[in-house]
Amino acid sequence: MIKKFLNSKIVISYRNDGIPSVQELCDIVNNYKNKVSVIYSRDYKYALSNSDVKEVLIIGY
């Protein structure tokens, strides 16, 4: 998917407890984009989850 949109900014909305890890996704995006930024949200609870997680935006440009 990232390769398909090489000429665009890439924004991935993700959970910090996901698989692959946030770092692994950043490494993948970094293979295609020169710069990668990561923005973490505050803690919040998903409706069907018992744990606090952070929403993460991974931005490649």
C-alpha atoms as a PDB file:
ATOM      1  CA  MET A   1       0.000   0.000   0.000  1.00  0.00           C
ATOM      2  CA  ILE A   2       2.795   2.434   0.881  1.00  0.00           C
ATOM      3  CA  LYS A   3       4.579   1.675  -2.366  1.00  0.00           C
ATOM      4  CA  LYS A   4       1.390   2.409  -4.323  1.00  0.00           C
ATOM      5  CA  PHE A   5       1.242   5.974  -2.933  1.00  0.00           C
ATOM      6  CA  LEU A   6       4.917   6.919  -3.145  1.00  0.00           C
ATOM      7  CA  ASN A   7       4.117  10.394  -4.476  1.00  0.00           C
ATOM      8  CA  SER A   8       1.840  11.229  -1.537  1.00  0.00           C
ATOM      9  CA  LYS A   9       2.243  11.874   2.151  1.00  0.00           C
ATOM     10  CA  ILE A  10       1.510   8.684   4.062  1.00  0.00           C
ATOM     11  CA  VAL A  11      -0.500   8.818   7.314  1.00  0.00           C
ATOM     12  CA  ILE A  12      -1.168   5.635   9.261  1.00  0.00           C
ATOM     13  CA  SER A  13      -3.473   5.642  12.264  1.00  0.00           C
ATOM     14  CA  TYR A  14      -2.438   2.813  14.591  1.00  0.00           C
ATOM     15  CA  ARG A  15      -2.600   1.539  18.176  1.00  0.00           C
ATOM     16  CA  ASN A  16       0.612   1.463  20.181  1.00  0.00           C
ATOM     17  CA  ASP A  17      -0.041  -2.142  21.256  1.00  0.00           C
ATOM     18  CA  GLY A  18      -0.482  -3.450  17.696  1.00  0.00           C
ATOM     19  CA  ILE A  19       1.515  -6.034  15.787  1.00  0.00           C
ATOM     20  CA  PRO A  20       3.754  -5.104  14.016  1.00  0.00           C
ATOM     21  CA  SER A  21       5.147  -2.610  16.508  1.00  0.00           C
ATOM     22  CA  VAL A  22       5.120   1.133  15.935  1.00  0.00           C
ATOM     23  CA  GLN A  23       8.892   1.015  15.381  1.00  0.00           C
ATOM     24  CA  GLU A  24       8.564  -1.713  12.754  1.00  0.00           C
ATOM     25  CA  LEU A  25       5.949   0.334  10.874  1.00  0.00           C
ATOM     26  CA  CYS A  26       8.187   3.410  11.070  1.00  0.00           C
ATOM     27  CA  ASP A  27      11.048   1.381   9.605  1.00  0.00           C
ATOM     28  CA  ILE A  28       8.835   0.225   6.735  1.00  0.00           C
ATOM     29  CA  VAL A  29       7.647   3.759   5.973  1.00  0.00           C
ATOM     30  CA  ASN A  30      11.233   5.012   6.223  1.00  0.00           C
ATOM     31  CA  ASN A  31      12.174   2.656   3.380  1.00  0.00           C
ATOM     32  CA  TYR A  32       9.948   4.742   1.081  1.00  0.00           C
ATOM     33  CA  LYS A  33       9.911   8.226   2.608  1.00  0.00           C
ATOM     34  CA  ASN A  34      12.777  10.507   3.665  1.00  0.00           C
ATOM     35  CA  LYS A  35      11.160  11.655   6.901  1.00  0.00           C
ATOM     36  CA  VAL A  36       8.900   9.874   9.377  1.00  0.00           C
ATOM     37  CA  SER A  37       7.129  11.540  12.304  1.00  0.00           C
ATOM     38  CA  VAL A  38       5.250   9.790  15.103  1.00  0.00           C
ATOM     39  CA  ILE A  39       2.537  11.486  17.142  1.00  0.00           C
ATOM     40  CA  TYR A  40       1.035   9.795  20.214  1.00  0.00           C
ATOM     41  CA  SER A  41      -2.388  10.696  21.596  1.00  0.00           C
ATOM     42  CA  ARG A  42      -3.331  10.732  25.236  1.00  0.00           C
ATOM     43  CA  ASP A  43      -4.346   7.440  26.894  1.00  0.00           C
ATOM     44  CA  TYR A  44      -7.878   6.310  26.259  1.00  0.00           C
ATOM     45  CA  LYS A  45      -9.908   3.135  26.415  1.00  0.00           C
ATOM     46  CA  TYR A  46     -11.406   1.336  23.444  1.00  0.00           C
ATOM     47  CA  ALA A  47     -14.967   0.134  23.992  1.00  0.00           C
ATOM     48  CA  LEU A  48     -14.060  -3.568  23.767  1.00  0.00           C
ATOM     49  CA  SER A  49     -10.681  -3.403  25.527  1.00  0.00           C
ATOM     50  CA  ASN A  50      -9.665  -3.507  29.183  1.00  0.00           C
ATOM     51  CA  SER A  51      -6.298  -1.825  28.684  1.00  0.00           C
ATOM     52  CA  ASP A  52      -5.297   1.789  28.143  1.00  0.00           C
ATOM     53  CA  VAL A  53      -3.714   2.326  24.756  1.00  0.00           C
ATOM     54  CA  LYS A  54      -2.455   5.254  22.743  1.00  0.00           C
ATOM     55  CA  GLU A  55      -3.517   6.118  19.237  1.00  0.00           C
ATOM     56  CA  VAL A  56      -0.451   6.700  17.096  1.00  0.00           C
ATOM     57  CA  LEU A  57      -0.150   8.642  13.853  1.00  0.00           C
ATOM     58  CA  ILE A  58       2.800   7.615  11.704  1.00  0.00           C
ATOM     59  CA  ILE A  59       3.424  10.242   9.046  1.00  0.00           C
ATOM     60  CA  GLY A  60       5.821   9.709   6.156  1.00  0.00           C
ATOM     61  CA  TYR A  61       6.770  12.591   3.859  1.00  0.00           C
END
